[in-house]
Amino acid sequence: MRRGLILNLLSNVVFFVVGYVIHYFLGNTMSAASYGIVGTIMTVLDFEYMFLSNGARQSLSKELSLRRYAIRDVVRKSMLFQVVLIAVFFSINFFGAPLFAYVLNDPTLAPYFRIAAFLVPANGLFVLLLGINDGLQRFSTSALLSTIYPIAKLCVIPLILLYFQDDPVAGMEVGYLLALVLVIVLGCVSLYRRKDDVRSPGNVKIPFGLVIRNTLSFSIFFIMVSLVLSVDTLIVKSLVVPAAMAGYYTGAVNFGKLSYYLMTAFFTVILPVVAKAIGEGDRSGAALRVKQFMVLVLSLILPIPVVISASSSNLLSAFYHPEYAVAAEALSYLSLSSFFMGMTVMLNMVHTSFSSNRFSDLLSVISLISVIPIFVACAKTGGITYIALASMVCTFVTMLVSLGVVVKHAGNVLTARALWAVCGSVALWFVVKAVFVLFPITGLLQIAVAYTVIYGVYVAILVLFGIVKLPAKMIRIKRRIS
């Protein structure tokens, strides 16, 4: 489990480093309004990816881990339903492109949505491969594929410089498509070489209706997640003027989502790990795993959005341009909002393993009904700052409710170490805020160094006080050195 978690975290780090390299290139070669178009296209794709990616991946991961049905039958029927969903979203993007352009008040968007339609089937097949590897506890292979994909996306930069100078948005989409095709081929080759892994004793067939229910349940839940994380960008694009504000907000969102995507490593691993323990009848062992995950997340991931929140103005000014600082307060809220949403997802993955999907379904319905009106009202009232604040409040509430439900079914998962980690992050926010107010840290390299030092010192303090415990191997090495 630990190795799979570390590898998935590393793949997410690579994903973000590459993503920021690409966005740095795009943000510094486009106008704010053009960069807003990139944000709009990617927001819609993120929404669809949430539906296609997480529904099939998490459903496959859970059922393969539980070992209740024949593995090949689970894979076959999951793939069949995924193809149906892919066809639906491809049609929406390709044939509905003019409608998207009309609703979003920008006629230039239509051709980009048609190109984006081809990203949907490629991404849908890619995540099926990830789900199969997760369910078979092959986290290393899953992490490797997830690492190769973002690296391959770097082809966007030479494509734009050499072939798409006049249309960088199209160059970005073509580059992403080529990267997906590459990892799909590699994933299929890897699966074929380990084809014996998908053979299981017994021939109990999984009901196709169960595949549909599981996939749709996870999909609807992640639609809610995507709605909270992404719909604010569309609302800003449609309702907030001037048009440049969409570009500034896109810059804030790019950093705001960092903690959520880092946490995907945790809930990617925690679902199959806990489900496997539950399938073996070891509920106490499953609860222990959850407590370990909670300490790790609150100790190692929470400090990241806290540091970003406390230094948002410096970060946006250094990474983009000084005028992007107008979205600094929004980034302060969005960075914490994404973490709260990541916690919500992880807690719901735990609850799904211990109980059923019913709570997640109910939470999804309530959120889908309430979030959009709240965001629209806030955007009209206070622009990008109010809508970001609303996002943070909504995700904080869903996190608390989800925690309460998990405690009811799995017992108290917040240990004393976890609570001390939360207190440490609160103190860290004020320290970082003071540092960036007192010292003029404005260069991008200076900020990167400051972040590294602050994070390293903070984690060292947690280790010193026993909140984060070193692995046994590292302790033995430390003793030998001393």
Protein backbone atom coordinates (compact mmCIF):
# COMPACT_ATOMS: atom_id res chain seq x y z
CA MET A 1 0.00 0.00 0.00
CA ARG A 2 2.73 2.45 1.02
CA ARG A 3 4.70 1.91 -2.19
CA GLY A 4 1.59 2.36 -4.32
CA LEU A 5 0.68 5.54 -2.45
CA ILE A 6 4.17 7.00 -2.86
CA LEU A 7 4.28 6.17 -6.57
CA ASN A 8 0.83 7.68 -7.14
CA LEU A 9 1.86 10.81 -5.26
CA LEU A 10 4.99 11.09 -7.42
CA SER A 11 2.89 10.68 -10.56
CA ASN A 12 0.61 13.47 -9.37
CA VAL A 13 3.61 15.68 -8.67
CA VAL A 14 4.84 15.06 -12.22
CA PHE A 15 1.33 15.78 -13.49
CA PHE A 16 1.30 19.16 -11.78
CA VAL A 17 4.85 20.16 -12.62
CA VAL A 18 4.18 19.45 -16.29
CA GLY A 19 0.79 21.13 -16.08
CA TYR A 20 2.31 24.28 -14.65
CA VAL A 21 5.04 24.28 -17.28
CA ILE A 22 2.35 24.14 -19.97
CA HIS A 23 0.21 26.78 -18.29
CA TYR A 24 3.24 28.99 -17.73
CA PHE A 25 3.93 28.76 -21.45
CA LEU A 26 0.30 29.44 -22.39
CA GLY A 27 -0.27 32.15 -19.80
CA ASN A 28 2.78 34.08 -20.92
CA THR A 29 2.17 33.77 -24.66
CA MET A 30 -1.58 34.56 -24.72
CA SER A 31 -3.69 37.49 -23.71
CA ALA A 32 -5.77 37.06 -20.54
CA ALA A 33 -8.94 36.78 -22.65
CA SER A 34 -7.43 34.01 -24.84
CA TYR A 35 -6.16 32.21 -21.79
CA GLY A 36 -9.72 32.37 -20.48
CA ILE A 37 -10.80 30.34 -23.54
CA VAL A 38 -8.29 27.65 -22.58
CA GLY A 39 -9.73 27.64 -19.08
CA THR A 40 -13.27 27.32 -20.41
CA ILE A 41 -12.46 24.37 -22.69
CA MET A 42 -10.52 22.58 -19.97
CA THR A 43 -13.29 23.20 -17.43
CA VAL A 44 -15.88 21.49 -19.61
CA LEU A 45 -13.50 18.60 -20.26
CA ASP A 46 -12.74 18.34 -16.54
CA PHE A 47 -16.46 18.02 -15.88
CA GLU A 48 -16.84 15.24 -18.44
CA TYR A 49 -13.64 13.54 -17.32
CA MET A 50 -15.00 13.44 -13.77
CA PHE A 51 -18.02 11.53 -15.05
CA LEU A 52 -16.19 9.18 -17.39
CA SER A 53 -12.99 8.72 -15.44
CA ASN A 54 -14.04 8.21 -11.87
CA GLY A 55 -17.24 6.27 -12.45
CA ALA A 56 -15.65 3.42 -14.39
CA ARG A 57 -12.29 3.55 -12.59
CA GLN A 58 -13.66 3.47 -9.04
CA SER A 59 -16.34 0.89 -9.88
CA LEU A 60 -13.77 -1.41 -11.48
CA SER A 61 -11.32 -0.86 -8.65
CA LYS A 62 -13.88 -1.70 -5.97
CA GLU A 63 -15.36 -4.82 -7.62
CA LEU A 64 -12.01 -6.26 -8.63
CA SER A 65 -10.70 -5.74 -5.09
CA LEU A 66 -13.71 -7.43 -3.48
CA ARG A 67 -13.20 -10.50 -5.72
CA ARG A 68 -16.92 -11.33 -5.71
CA TYR A 69 -17.21 -11.93 -9.45
CA ALA A 70 -15.13 -13.26 -12.34
CA ILE A 71 -12.51 -10.64 -13.15
CA ARG A 72 -12.82 -10.82 -16.93
CA ASP A 73 -16.61 -10.53 -16.74
CA VAL A 74 -16.31 -7.41 -14.56
CA VAL A 75 -13.81 -5.87 -17.00
CA ARG A 76 -15.86 -6.81 -20.09
CA LYS A 77 -19.15 -5.38 -18.83
CA SER A 78 -17.51 -2.26 -17.39
CA MET A 79 -15.90 -1.61 -20.76
CA LEU A 80 -19.21 -2.06 -22.56
CA PHE A 81 -20.98 0.50 -20.38
CA GLN A 82 -18.03 2.89 -20.65
CA VAL A 83 -18.31 2.81 -24.45
CA VAL A 84 -21.96 3.83 -24.17
CA LEU A 85 -21.05 6.79 -21.97
CA ILE A 86 -18.21 7.79 -24.29
CA ALA A 87 -20.58 7.88 -27.24
CA VAL A 88 -22.96 10.16 -25.33
CA PHE A 89 -20.31 12.71 -24.34
CA PHE A 90 -18.64 12.64 -27.74
CA SER A 91 -21.97 13.51 -29.34
CA ILE A 92 -22.61 16.29 -26.84
CA ASN A 93 -19.24 17.92 -27.53
CA PHE A 94 -19.11 17.42 -31.29
CA PHE A 95 -22.70 18.12 -32.29
CA GLY A 96 -23.42 20.53 -29.45
CA ALA A 97 -20.40 22.76 -30.06
CA PRO A 98 -22.47 25.68 -31.45
CA LEU A 99 -24.75 25.53 -28.41
CA PHE A 100 -21.78 25.65 -26.04
CA ALA A 101 -20.48 28.71 -27.89
CA TYR A 102 -23.88 30.40 -27.64
CA VAL A 103 -24.44 29.66 -23.95
CA LEU A 104 -20.91 30.77 -23.03
CA ASN A 105 -21.29 33.91 -25.13
CA ASP A 106 -18.26 33.27 -27.35
CA PRO A 107 -18.74 32.07 -30.97
CA THR A 108 -15.03 31.25 -31.33
CA LEU A 109 -15.42 28.29 -28.95
CA ALA A 110 -17.31 26.00 -31.38
CA PRO A 111 -14.34 24.52 -33.32
CA TYR A 112 -12.43 23.90 -30.11
CA PHE A 113 -15.30 21.89 -28.65
CA ARG A 114 -15.37 19.73 -31.78
CA ILE A 115 -11.67 18.95 -31.40
CA ALA A 116 -12.18 18.34 -27.67
CA ALA A 117 -14.81 15.72 -28.50
CA PHE A 118 -12.04 13.34 -29.62
CA LEU A 119 -10.32 13.65 -26.25
CA VAL A 120 -13.36 12.06 -24.58
CA PRO A 121 -13.03 8.50 -25.97
CA ALA A 122 -9.25 8.55 -25.52
CA ASN A 123 -9.55 9.56 -21.87
CA GLY A 124 -12.37 7.06 -21.29
CA LEU A 125 -10.23 4.15 -22.48
CA PHE A 126 -7.18 5.35 -20.55
CA VAL A 127 -8.99 5.40 -17.20
CA LEU A 128 -10.37 1.90 -17.81
CA LEU A 129 -6.77 0.69 -17.91
CA LEU A 130 -6.04 2.55 -14.67
CA GLY A 131 -9.11 1.05 -12.98
CA ILE A 132 -8.12 -2.49 -13.95
CA ASN A 133 -4.62 -2.01 -12.53
CA ASP A 134 -5.95 -0.42 -9.32
CA GLY A 135 -8.40 -3.28 -8.76
CA LEU A 136 -5.66 -5.86 -9.26
CA GLN A 137 -3.53 -3.95 -6.69
CA ARG A 138 -1.02 -3.15 -9.45
CA PHE A 139 -0.54 0.40 -8.21
CA SER A 140 2.96 0.65 -9.66
CA THR A 141 1.73 0.09 -13.22
CA SER A 142 -1.13 2.51 -12.71
CA ALA A 143 1.26 5.13 -11.36
CA LEU A 144 3.69 4.57 -14.25
CA LEU A 145 0.98 5.17 -16.85
CA SER A 146 -0.20 8.23 -14.92
CA THR A 147 3.37 9.55 -14.96
CA ILE A 148 4.03 8.96 -18.65
CA TYR A 149 0.83 10.75 -19.68
CA PRO A 150 1.70 14.24 -18.35
CA ILE A 151 5.27 13.96 -19.62
CA ALA A 152 3.90 13.13 -23.08
CA LYS A 153 1.67 16.21 -22.86
CA LEU A 154 4.77 18.38 -23.08
CA CYS A 155 4.58 17.84 -26.84
CA VAL A 156 2.03 20.68 -26.69
CA ILE A 157 4.83 23.25 -26.52
CA PRO A 158 6.72 22.26 -29.72
CA LEU A 159 3.40 21.65 -31.51
CA ILE A 160 2.29 25.22 -30.77
CA LEU A 161 5.70 26.73 -31.58
CA LEU A 162 6.11 24.83 -34.86
CA TYR A 163 2.63 24.14 -36.24
CA PHE A 164 -0.04 26.01 -34.28
CA GLN A 165 1.42 29.46 -33.75
CA ASP A 166 -1.79 31.08 -34.95
CA ASP A 167 -4.08 28.74 -33.02
CA PRO A 168 -2.44 27.62 -29.75
CA VAL A 169 -5.69 26.32 -28.24
CA ALA A 170 -6.03 23.76 -31.05
CA GLY A 171 -2.36 22.86 -30.64
CA MET A 172 -2.95 22.17 -26.97
CA GLU A 173 -5.88 19.86 -27.72
CA VAL A 174 -3.99 17.93 -30.42
CA GLY A 175 -1.01 17.50 -28.09
CA TYR A 176 -3.21 16.13 -25.30
CA LEU A 177 -4.82 13.69 -27.73
CA LEU A 178 -1.47 12.36 -28.94
CA ALA A 179 -0.35 11.87 -25.33
CA LEU A 180 -3.49 9.85 -24.52
CA VAL A 181 -3.03 7.62 -27.56
CA LEU A 182 0.53 6.86 -26.45
CA VAL A 183 -0.40 5.80 -22.90
CA ILE A 184 -3.36 3.73 -24.14
CA VAL A 185 -1.02 1.72 -26.37
CA LEU A 186 1.46 1.26 -23.52
CA GLY A 187 -1.31 0.29 -21.11
CA CYS A 188 -2.71 -2.33 -23.45
CA VAL A 189 0.76 -3.82 -23.99
CA SER A 190 1.32 -3.97 -20.22
CA LEU A 191 -2.05 -5.62 -19.62
CA TYR A 192 -1.45 -8.18 -22.38
CA ARG A 193 1.93 -9.13 -20.90
CA ARG A 194 0.26 -9.74 -17.51
CA LYS A 195 -2.93 -11.28 -18.92
CA ASP A 196 -2.85 -14.11 -16.37
CA ASP A 197 -3.64 -11.55 -13.65
CA VAL A 198 -7.16 -11.10 -14.99
CA ARG A 199 -7.97 -14.76 -14.52
CA SER A 200 -9.79 -15.64 -11.32
CA PRO A 201 -11.13 -18.85 -9.83
CA GLY A 202 -14.87 -19.33 -10.29
CA ASN A 203 -17.12 -18.05 -13.00
CA VAL A 204 -19.74 -16.01 -11.13
CA LYS A 205 -21.00 -13.37 -13.56
CA ILE A 206 -21.53 -9.84 -12.37
CA PRO A 207 -25.03 -8.56 -13.19
CA PHE A 208 -24.85 -5.86 -15.84
CA GLY A 209 -27.33 -3.83 -13.81
CA LEU A 210 -24.88 -3.78 -10.89
CA VAL A 211 -22.14 -2.48 -13.18
CA ILE A 212 -24.47 0.30 -14.35
CA ARG A 213 -25.53 1.20 -10.79
CA ASN A 214 -21.99 1.26 -9.44
CA THR A 215 -20.61 3.24 -12.36
CA LEU A 216 -23.44 5.77 -12.35
CA SER A 217 -23.30 6.14 -8.57
CA PHE A 218 -19.59 6.97 -8.63
CA SER A 219 -20.09 9.09 -11.75
CA ILE A 220 -22.89 11.17 -10.24
CA PHE A 221 -20.85 11.67 -7.09
CA PHE A 222 -17.88 12.90 -9.11
CA ILE A 223 -20.17 15.11 -11.17
CA MET A 224 -20.97 16.84 -7.89
CA VAL A 225 -17.23 17.10 -7.21
CA SER A 226 -16.60 18.49 -10.67
CA LEU A 227 -19.50 20.89 -10.33
CA VAL A 228 -18.04 22.44 -7.21
CA LEU A 229 -14.50 22.48 -8.60
CA SER A 230 -15.23 23.62 -12.15
CA VAL A 231 -18.61 25.26 -12.68
CA ASP A 232 -17.40 28.46 -11.00
CA THR A 233 -15.05 29.08 -13.95
CA LEU A 234 -17.95 28.81 -16.40
CA ILE A 235 -20.07 31.16 -14.30
CA VAL A 236 -17.23 33.68 -14.16
CA LYS A 237 -16.84 33.40 -17.95
CA SER A 238 -20.56 34.00 -18.50
CA LEU A 239 -21.45 36.56 -15.82
CA VAL A 240 -18.35 38.45 -14.68
CA VAL A 241 -17.00 41.35 -16.73
CA PRO A 242 -14.55 42.41 -18.04
CA ALA A 243 -13.57 39.33 -20.04
CA ALA A 244 -10.04 39.39 -18.63
CA MET A 245 -11.44 38.39 -15.22
CA ALA A 246 -12.01 34.88 -16.59
CA GLY A 247 -8.30 34.67 -17.36
CA TYR A 248 -7.32 35.92 -13.91
CA TYR A 249 -9.70 33.45 -12.29
CA THR A 250 -8.32 30.64 -14.47
CA GLY A 251 -4.88 31.44 -13.10
CA ALA A 252 -6.20 31.18 -9.54
CA VAL A 253 -8.02 27.91 -10.28
CA ASN A 254 -4.85 26.32 -11.70
CA PHE A 255 -3.13 26.67 -8.32
CA GLY A 256 -6.27 26.23 -6.28
CA LYS A 257 -6.84 22.68 -7.51
CA LEU A 258 -3.33 21.50 -6.59
CA SER A 259 -4.29 19.92 -3.27
CA TYR A 260 -7.29 18.10 -4.75
CA TYR A 261 -5.25 16.46 -7.48
CA LEU A 262 -2.51 15.51 -5.02
CA MET A 263 -5.19 13.85 -2.91
CA THR A 264 -6.36 11.73 -5.84
CA ALA A 265 -3.35 9.54 -5.03
CA PHE A 266 -4.90 8.84 -1.63
CA PHE A 267 -8.46 8.06 -2.65
CA THR A 268 -7.21 6.11 -5.68
CA VAL A 269 -5.38 3.77 -3.31
CA ILE A 270 -7.67 3.88 -0.28
CA LEU A 271 -10.76 2.47 -2.04
CA PRO A 272 -9.20 -0.81 -3.28
CA VAL A 273 -7.14 -1.21 -0.08
CA VAL A 274 -10.09 -0.75 2.28
CA ALA A 275 -12.43 -2.73 0.01
CA LYS A 276 -9.95 -5.63 -0.05
CA ALA A 277 -9.79 -5.65 3.76
CA ILE A 278 -13.59 -5.52 4.02
CA GLY A 279 -13.87 -8.35 1.48
CA GLU A 280 -11.58 -10.43 3.69
CA GLY A 281 -13.73 -9.67 6.75
CA ASP A 282 -11.07 -7.51 8.44
CA ARG A 283 -13.08 -4.40 9.39
CA SER A 284 -10.72 -3.40 12.20
CA GLY A 285 -7.79 -3.58 9.81
CA ALA A 286 -9.71 -1.44 7.32
CA ALA A 287 -10.42 1.16 10.02
CA LEU A 288 -6.73 1.23 10.96
CA ARG A 289 -5.80 1.89 7.33
CA VAL A 290 -8.25 4.81 7.23
CA LYS A 291 -6.69 6.35 10.36
CA GLN A 292 -3.24 6.08 8.81
CA PHE A 293 -4.46 7.78 5.64
CA MET A 294 -6.06 10.60 7.63
CA VAL A 295 -2.81 11.37 9.48
CA LEU A 296 -0.84 11.38 6.24
CA VAL A 297 -3.28 13.65 4.44
CA LEU A 298 -3.60 16.17 7.27
CA SER A 299 0.16 16.18 7.88
CA LEU A 300 1.59 16.15 4.36
CA ILE A 301 -1.11 17.50 2.02
CA LEU A 302 -2.99 20.12 4.09
CA PRO A 303 0.14 22.33 4.52
CA ILE A 304 0.36 22.78 0.74
CA PRO A 305 -2.98 24.62 0.23
CA VAL A 306 -2.36 26.47 3.51
CA VAL A 307 0.94 27.88 2.21
CA ILE A 308 -0.64 28.78 -1.15
CA SER A 309 -3.59 30.45 0.58
CA ALA A 310 -1.32 32.59 2.77
CA SER A 311 0.90 33.73 -0.13
CA SER A 312 -1.57 33.86 -3.02
CA SER A 313 -0.81 37.41 -4.20
CA ASN A 314 2.94 36.80 -4.47
CA LEU A 315 2.42 33.50 -6.25
CA LEU A 316 0.05 34.81 -8.94
CA SER A 317 2.15 37.92 -9.59
CA ALA A 318 5.34 35.92 -9.95
CA PHE A 319 3.93 33.08 -12.03
CA TYR A 320 1.84 35.17 -14.44
CA HIS A 321 1.87 38.99 -14.30
CA PRO A 322 1.29 41.51 -11.48
CA GLU A 323 -2.26 42.19 -12.73
CA TYR A 324 -3.21 38.59 -11.84
CA ALA A 325 -2.97 39.61 -8.17
CA VAL A 326 -6.58 40.77 -8.50
CA ALA A 327 -7.49 37.09 -8.04
CA ALA A 328 -5.29 36.64 -4.95
CA GLU A 329 -8.14 36.55 -2.43
CA ALA A 330 -10.03 34.13 -4.65
CA LEU A 331 -7.00 31.82 -4.72
CA SER A 332 -6.78 31.98 -0.91
CA TYR A 333 -10.26 30.50 -0.72
CA LEU A 334 -9.96 28.12 -3.69
CA SER A 335 -6.83 26.41 -2.40
CA LEU A 336 -8.60 25.45 0.83
CA SER A 337 -11.82 24.61 -1.03
CA SER A 338 -10.03 22.04 -3.17
CA PHE A 339 -8.55 20.39 -0.10
CA PHE A 340 -11.95 20.19 1.59
CA MET A 341 -13.36 18.61 -1.56
CA GLY A 342 -10.50 16.11 -1.68
CA MET A 343 -11.28 15.16 1.92
CA THR A 344 -14.96 14.79 1.00
CA VAL A 345 -14.10 12.39 -1.80
CA MET A 346 -11.72 10.33 0.32
CA LEU A 347 -14.26 10.02 3.15
CA ASN A 348 -16.95 8.95 0.71
CA MET A 349 -14.65 6.30 -0.77
CA VAL A 350 -14.19 4.97 2.77
CA HIS A 351 -17.92 5.00 3.46
CA THR A 352 -18.61 3.20 0.18
CA SER A 353 -16.30 0.39 1.26
CA PHE A 354 -17.82 0.06 4.73
CA SER A 355 -21.45 0.52 3.73
CA SER A 356 -23.07 1.47 0.42
CA ASN A 357 -23.24 4.31 -2.10
CA ARG A 358 -26.53 5.69 -0.79
CA PHE A 359 -25.05 8.53 1.25
CA SER A 360 -22.84 9.60 -1.65
CA ASP A 361 -25.88 9.56 -3.94
CA LEU A 362 -27.86 11.75 -1.52
CA LEU A 363 -24.97 14.16 -1.06
CA SER A 364 -24.61 14.39 -4.84
CA VAL A 365 -28.27 15.23 -5.40
CA ILE A 366 -28.35 17.92 -2.71
CA SER A 367 -25.14 19.49 -4.00
CA LEU A 368 -26.24 19.44 -7.64
CA ILE A 369 -29.45 21.25 -6.71
CA SER A 370 -27.93 23.88 -4.46
CA VAL A 371 -24.43 24.73 -5.69
CA ILE A 372 -25.18 26.44 -9.02
CA PRO A 373 -27.75 28.93 -7.63
CA ILE A 374 -25.38 29.78 -4.77
CA PHE A 375 -22.45 30.33 -7.15
CA VAL A 376 -24.52 32.45 -9.55
CA ALA A 377 -25.81 34.66 -6.73
CA CYS A 378 -22.31 35.12 -5.33
CA ALA A 379 -20.81 35.91 -8.75
CA LYS A 380 -23.42 38.61 -9.35
CA THR A 381 -22.94 40.04 -5.86
CA GLY A 382 -19.20 40.01 -5.32
CA GLY A 383 -17.51 38.71 -8.47
CA ILE A 384 -14.68 36.20 -8.36
CA THR A 385 -13.91 36.68 -4.65
CA TYR A 386 -17.42 35.86 -3.45
CA ILE A 387 -17.78 32.84 -5.71
CA ALA A 388 -14.47 31.44 -4.42
CA LEU A 389 -15.58 32.03 -0.83
CA ALA A 390 -18.86 30.23 -1.55
CA SER A 391 -16.90 27.30 -2.95
CA MET A 392 -14.83 27.04 0.22
CA VAL A 393 -17.87 27.16 2.51
CA CYS A 394 -19.76 24.53 0.47
CA THR A 395 -16.85 22.08 0.42
CA PHE A 396 -16.19 22.57 4.13
CA VAL A 397 -19.80 21.65 4.91
CA THR A 398 -19.73 18.54 2.68
CA MET A 399 -16.47 17.46 4.34
CA LEU A 400 -17.90 17.75 7.85
CA VAL A 401 -21.09 15.88 6.93
CA SER A 402 -19.07 13.11 5.22
CA LEU A 403 -16.80 12.80 8.26
CA GLY A 404 -19.82 12.38 10.52
CA VAL A 405 -21.19 9.55 8.39
CA VAL A 406 -17.83 7.76 8.25
CA VAL A 407 -17.48 7.97 12.04
CA LYS A 408 -20.94 6.43 12.38
CA HIS A 409 -20.01 3.35 10.30
CA ALA A 410 -16.24 2.98 10.79
CA GLY A 411 -15.66 4.57 14.19
CA ASN A 412 -13.60 7.63 15.02
CA VAL A 413 -10.95 8.02 12.30
CA LEU A 414 -9.44 11.23 13.68
CA THR A 415 -6.62 10.32 16.05
CA ALA A 416 -4.83 12.76 18.34
CA ARG A 417 -1.99 12.96 15.81
CA ALA A 418 -4.44 13.97 13.09
CA LEU A 419 -5.93 16.73 15.26
CA TRP A 420 -2.47 18.06 16.13
CA ALA A 421 -1.67 18.16 12.40
CA VAL A 422 -4.75 20.35 11.83
CA CYS A 423 -3.65 22.72 14.60
CA GLY A 424 -0.19 22.87 13.08
CA SER A 425 -1.59 23.90 9.69
CA VAL A 426 -3.61 26.71 11.28
CA ALA A 427 -0.45 28.06 12.91
CA LEU A 428 1.44 27.60 9.63
CA TRP A 429 -1.01 29.88 7.78
CA PHE A 430 -0.28 32.80 10.08
CA VAL A 431 3.47 32.22 9.98
CA VAL A 432 3.56 32.11 6.16
CA LYS A 433 1.33 35.18 5.91
CA ALA A 434 3.71 37.10 8.15
CA VAL A 435 6.78 35.95 6.21
CA PHE A 436 5.41 37.09 2.85
CA VAL A 437 4.20 40.40 4.28
CA LEU A 438 7.48 41.24 6.03
CA PHE A 439 9.82 40.06 3.27
CA PRO A 440 9.47 41.11 -0.42
CA ILE A 441 9.54 37.64 -2.01
CA THR A 442 8.47 38.35 -5.61
CA GLY A 443 10.56 36.22 -7.98
CA LEU A 444 9.23 32.83 -9.05
CA LEU A 445 12.48 31.08 -8.14
CA GLN A 446 12.54 32.83 -4.76
CA ILE A 447 8.98 31.70 -4.04
CA ALA A 448 9.80 28.12 -5.05
CA VAL A 449 12.78 28.09 -2.69
CA ALA A 450 10.72 29.65 0.10
CA TYR A 451 7.96 27.07 -0.35
CA THR A 452 10.47 24.22 -0.27
CA VAL A 453 12.15 25.50 2.89
CA ILE A 454 8.86 26.21 4.67
CA TYR A 455 7.41 22.81 3.81
CA GLY A 456 10.61 20.97 4.73
CA VAL A 457 10.91 22.74 8.10
CA TYR A 458 7.23 22.17 8.88
CA VAL A 459 7.36 18.43 8.10
CA ALA A 460 10.58 18.14 10.13
CA ILE A 461 8.77 19.69 13.10
CA LEU A 462 5.92 17.20 12.71
CA VAL A 463 8.44 14.34 12.70
CA LEU A 464 10.23 15.80 15.73
CA PHE A 465 7.00 15.88 17.75
CA GLY A 466 5.96 12.41 16.61
CA ILE A 467 2.95 13.51 14.57
CA VAL A 468 4.49 12.03 11.42
CA LYS A 469 6.35 8.79 12.04
CA LEU A 470 9.25 7.72 9.84
CA PRO A 471 9.08 4.28 8.20
CA ALA A 472 11.02 1.55 10.00
CA LYS A 473 13.66 1.38 7.24
CA MET A 474 14.40 5.11 7.53
CA ILE A 475 14.72 4.81 11.33
CA ARG A 476 17.25 1.98 10.97
CA ILE A 477 19.27 4.01 8.44
CA LYS A 478 19.19 7.03 10.74
CA ARG A 479 20.51 4.95 13.66
CA ARG A 480 23.35 3.57 11.54
CA ILE A 481 24.39 7.05 10.46
CA SER A 482 24.33 8.33 14.03
